[in-house]
Protein backbone atom coordinates (compact mmCIF):
# COMPACT_ATOMS: atom_id res chain seq x y z
CA MET A 1 14.06 10.81 -8.15
CA ILE A 2 11.38 8.59 -6.62
CA GLU A 3 12.82 5.34 -7.98
CA GLU A 4 16.30 6.20 -6.66
CA GLN A 5 14.80 7.04 -3.26
CA LEU A 6 12.95 3.71 -3.15
CA ARG A 7 16.12 1.79 -4.10
CA ALA A 8 18.20 3.57 -1.45
CA ILE A 9 15.70 3.02 1.37
CA ASN A 10 15.25 -0.60 0.32
CA ALA A 11 19.02 -1.15 0.43
CA GLY A 12 19.11 0.31 3.94
CA GLN A 13 16.25 -1.91 5.08
CA VAL A 14 17.94 -5.01 3.68
CA HIS A 15 21.29 -4.01 5.22
CA ASN A 16 19.59 -3.62 8.62
CA GLY A 17 17.86 -7.00 8.38
CA MET A 18 14.37 -5.58 7.86
CA VAL A 19 13.50 -8.28 5.33
CA VAL A 20 9.95 -9.62 5.16
CA GLY A 21 9.74 -12.28 2.51
CA PRO A 22 11.62 -14.67 0.37
CA ALA A 23 9.92 -13.47 -2.85
CA PHE A 24 10.66 -9.78 -2.21
CA ALA A 25 12.73 -8.38 0.65
CA THR A 26 10.53 -5.32 1.23
CA ILE A 27 7.55 -3.49 -0.22
CA ARG A 28 9.97 -1.10 -1.93
CA ASP A 29 11.82 -4.07 -3.46
CA LEU A 30 8.56 -5.37 -4.96
CA VAL A 31 7.52 -1.95 -6.27
CA VAL A 32 10.92 -1.18 -7.82
CA GLN A 33 11.03 -4.57 -9.56
CA HIS A 34 7.45 -4.54 -10.90
CA GLY A 35 6.30 -0.92 -10.80
CA ARG A 36 6.66 1.97 -13.16
CA SER A 37 6.64 5.74 -12.95
CA TYR A 38 3.47 7.68 -13.73
CA THR A 39 2.88 11.26 -14.76
CA SER A 40 0.20 13.05 -12.78
CA LYS A 41 -3.08 14.52 -13.92
CA PRO A 42 -6.07 15.55 -11.75
CA LEU A 43 -8.97 13.13 -11.60
CA PRO A 44 -12.28 14.49 -12.87
CA ARG A 45 -14.45 15.95 -10.13
CA GLY A 46 -16.04 13.60 -7.67
CA GLN A 47 -16.82 13.07 -4.01
CA TRP A 48 -13.52 11.94 -2.51
CA SER A 49 -12.38 11.83 1.10
CA ARG A 50 -9.26 13.78 1.97
CA GLY A 51 -8.29 12.26 5.35
CA LEU A 52 -5.25 10.18 6.22
CA GLN A 53 -5.12 6.63 4.88
CA VAL A 54 -8.23 7.07 2.70
CA CYS A 55 -6.27 6.85 -0.55
CA TYR A 56 -6.78 3.07 -0.68
CA ALA A 57 -10.56 3.35 -0.29
CA ASN A 58 -10.75 6.28 -2.74
CA ALA A 59 -8.76 4.40 -5.39
CA LEU A 60 -10.77 1.23 -4.83
CA HIS A 61 -14.10 3.07 -5.13
CA ALA A 62 -12.93 4.75 -8.34
CA ALA A 63 -11.71 1.41 -9.77
CA MET A 64 -15.03 -0.25 -8.91
CA THR A 65 -16.77 2.07 -11.38
CA GLY A 66 -15.08 0.09 -14.16
CA ARG A 67 -13.53 3.23 -15.67
CA TRP A 68 -10.21 3.10 -13.80
CA VAL A 69 -7.44 0.66 -12.86
CA TYR A 70 -6.33 0.50 -9.21
CA VAL A 71 -2.62 1.31 -8.68
CA GLU A 72 -0.68 1.04 -5.46
CA GLY A 73 2.89 2.04 -4.75
CA PHE A 74 4.71 5.13 -3.56
CA ALA A 75 4.15 8.79 -4.28
CA ILE A 76 5.70 12.07 -3.27
CA PRO A 77 3.11 14.68 -2.23
CA ALA A 78 3.07 18.09 -3.91
CA LYS A 79 4.53 19.63 -0.74
CA GLY A 80 7.04 17.06 0.39
CA GLY A 81 10.14 15.16 -0.54
CA LEU A 82 9.69 11.68 0.91
CA ALA A 83 7.91 8.91 -0.99
CA VAL A 84 5.03 7.43 1.02
CA LEU A 85 2.83 4.41 0.43
CA HIS A 86 -0.14 5.56 -1.62
CA ALA A 87 -2.91 4.41 -3.97
CA TRP A 88 -4.34 6.06 -7.06
CA VAL A 89 -5.95 5.04 -10.34
CA THR A 90 -4.99 5.08 -14.00
CA ASN A 91 -7.05 5.05 -17.16
CA PRO A 92 -6.86 1.68 -18.96
CA GLU A 93 -6.72 3.60 -22.26
CA ASN A 94 -3.70 5.64 -21.08
CA PRO A 95 -2.09 3.62 -18.26
CA VAL A 96 0.91 5.92 -17.79
CA VAL A 97 -0.95 8.72 -16.01
CA ALA A 98 -1.73 8.76 -12.28
CA HIS A 99 -5.14 10.16 -11.43
CA ASP A 100 -5.21 10.78 -7.69
CA PRO A 101 -8.63 11.02 -6.05
CA THR A 102 -7.10 11.81 -2.65
CA TRP A 103 -4.36 14.37 -3.24
CA GLY A 104 -5.50 15.74 -6.59
CA THR A 105 -1.92 15.78 -7.86
CA GLY A 106 1.39 14.81 -6.33
CA ARG A 107 4.95 15.41 -7.47
CA GLU A 108 5.90 11.85 -8.43
CA TYR A 109 4.22 8.44 -8.60
CA PHE A 110 5.75 4.96 -8.88
CA GLY A 111 3.53 1.91 -8.53
CA ILE A 112 1.99 -1.32 -9.72
CA PRO A 113 -1.45 -1.63 -11.36
CA PHE A 114 -3.46 -4.45 -9.80
CA ARG A 115 -6.36 -6.55 -11.03
CA LEU A 116 -9.59 -5.41 -9.40
CA ASP A 117 -10.57 -8.94 -8.38
CA TYR A 118 -7.33 -9.24 -6.38
CA VAL A 119 -7.80 -5.86 -4.67
CA LEU A 120 -11.35 -6.84 -3.71
CA ARG A 121 -10.22 -10.26 -2.43
CA MET A 122 -7.51 -8.65 -0.29
CA HIS A 123 -10.03 -6.11 1.02
CA GLU A 124 -12.35 -8.92 2.04
CA LYS A 125 -9.56 -10.89 3.75
CA ALA A 126 -7.94 -7.96 5.57
CA GLY A 127 -11.09 -5.98 6.31
CA GLN A 128 -9.61 -2.85 4.74
CA PRO A 129 -8.42 -1.83 1.28
CA GLY A 130 -4.75 -2.05 0.27
CA VAL A 131 -2.55 -4.83 -1.08
CA LEU A 132 1.14 -3.97 -0.61
CA ASP A 133 1.33 -3.40 3.14
CA ALA A 134 -0.98 -6.27 4.07
CA TRP A 135 0.65 -6.87 7.45
CA GLU A 136 -2.59 -8.36 8.80
CA LEU A 137 -2.14 -11.20 6.30
CA GLU A 138 1.65 -11.37 6.77
CA TRP A 139 2.44 -9.71 3.41
CA PRO A 140 1.36 -12.44 0.95
CA LEU A 141 3.01 -10.73 -2.04
CA LEU A 142 6.36 -10.37 -0.28
CA ARG A 143 6.31 -13.96 0.93
CA GLY A 144 5.31 -15.27 -2.50
CA GLU A 145 2.01 -16.72 -1.29
CA ASP A 146 0.34 -14.53 -3.93
CA ARG A 147 2.33 -14.44 -7.17
CA ILE A 148 2.78 -10.91 -8.50
CA ALA A 149 2.48 -12.16 -12.10
CA ASP A 150 -1.03 -13.42 -11.29
CA VAL A 151 -2.33 -10.19 -9.74
CA ILE A 152 -0.85 -7.42 -11.87
CA TRP A 153 -3.32 -5.73 -14.22
CA LYS A 154 -2.26 -6.19 -17.81
CA ASN A 155 -3.42 -3.97 -20.63
CA GLU A 156 -4.67 -6.68 -22.99
């Protein structure tokens, strides 16, 4: 369901001229082309913030422990039907499961795993965590300034 929703909203954005970059029309376009779906499993206990927009910081802090891979994309909350921009982590030993330090568990997840060095570099440049909706930097992934192939985490 989430992938179809992302494709439909992306098509509407493109149809209405809401195109950002030459590399990818929209954030949804990038995520659909390079993301994947994840199953959901609660993250082991920890001290995580639960406020709005803290998912990026929570996922980054978890990834900085070295035990998790930072993932950013779209997710549907447990009580909701619309996919929203979100960040979570996955285990490098089982990179098909979303572990969500902010929501606990959501209904559906679809996103891209990113290399930690790229997430940290973007955080330093923008002054806040998050890589997909980097409007402060004029969306470097969508414009092709940052090549997605260079910043995706690969299970090697």
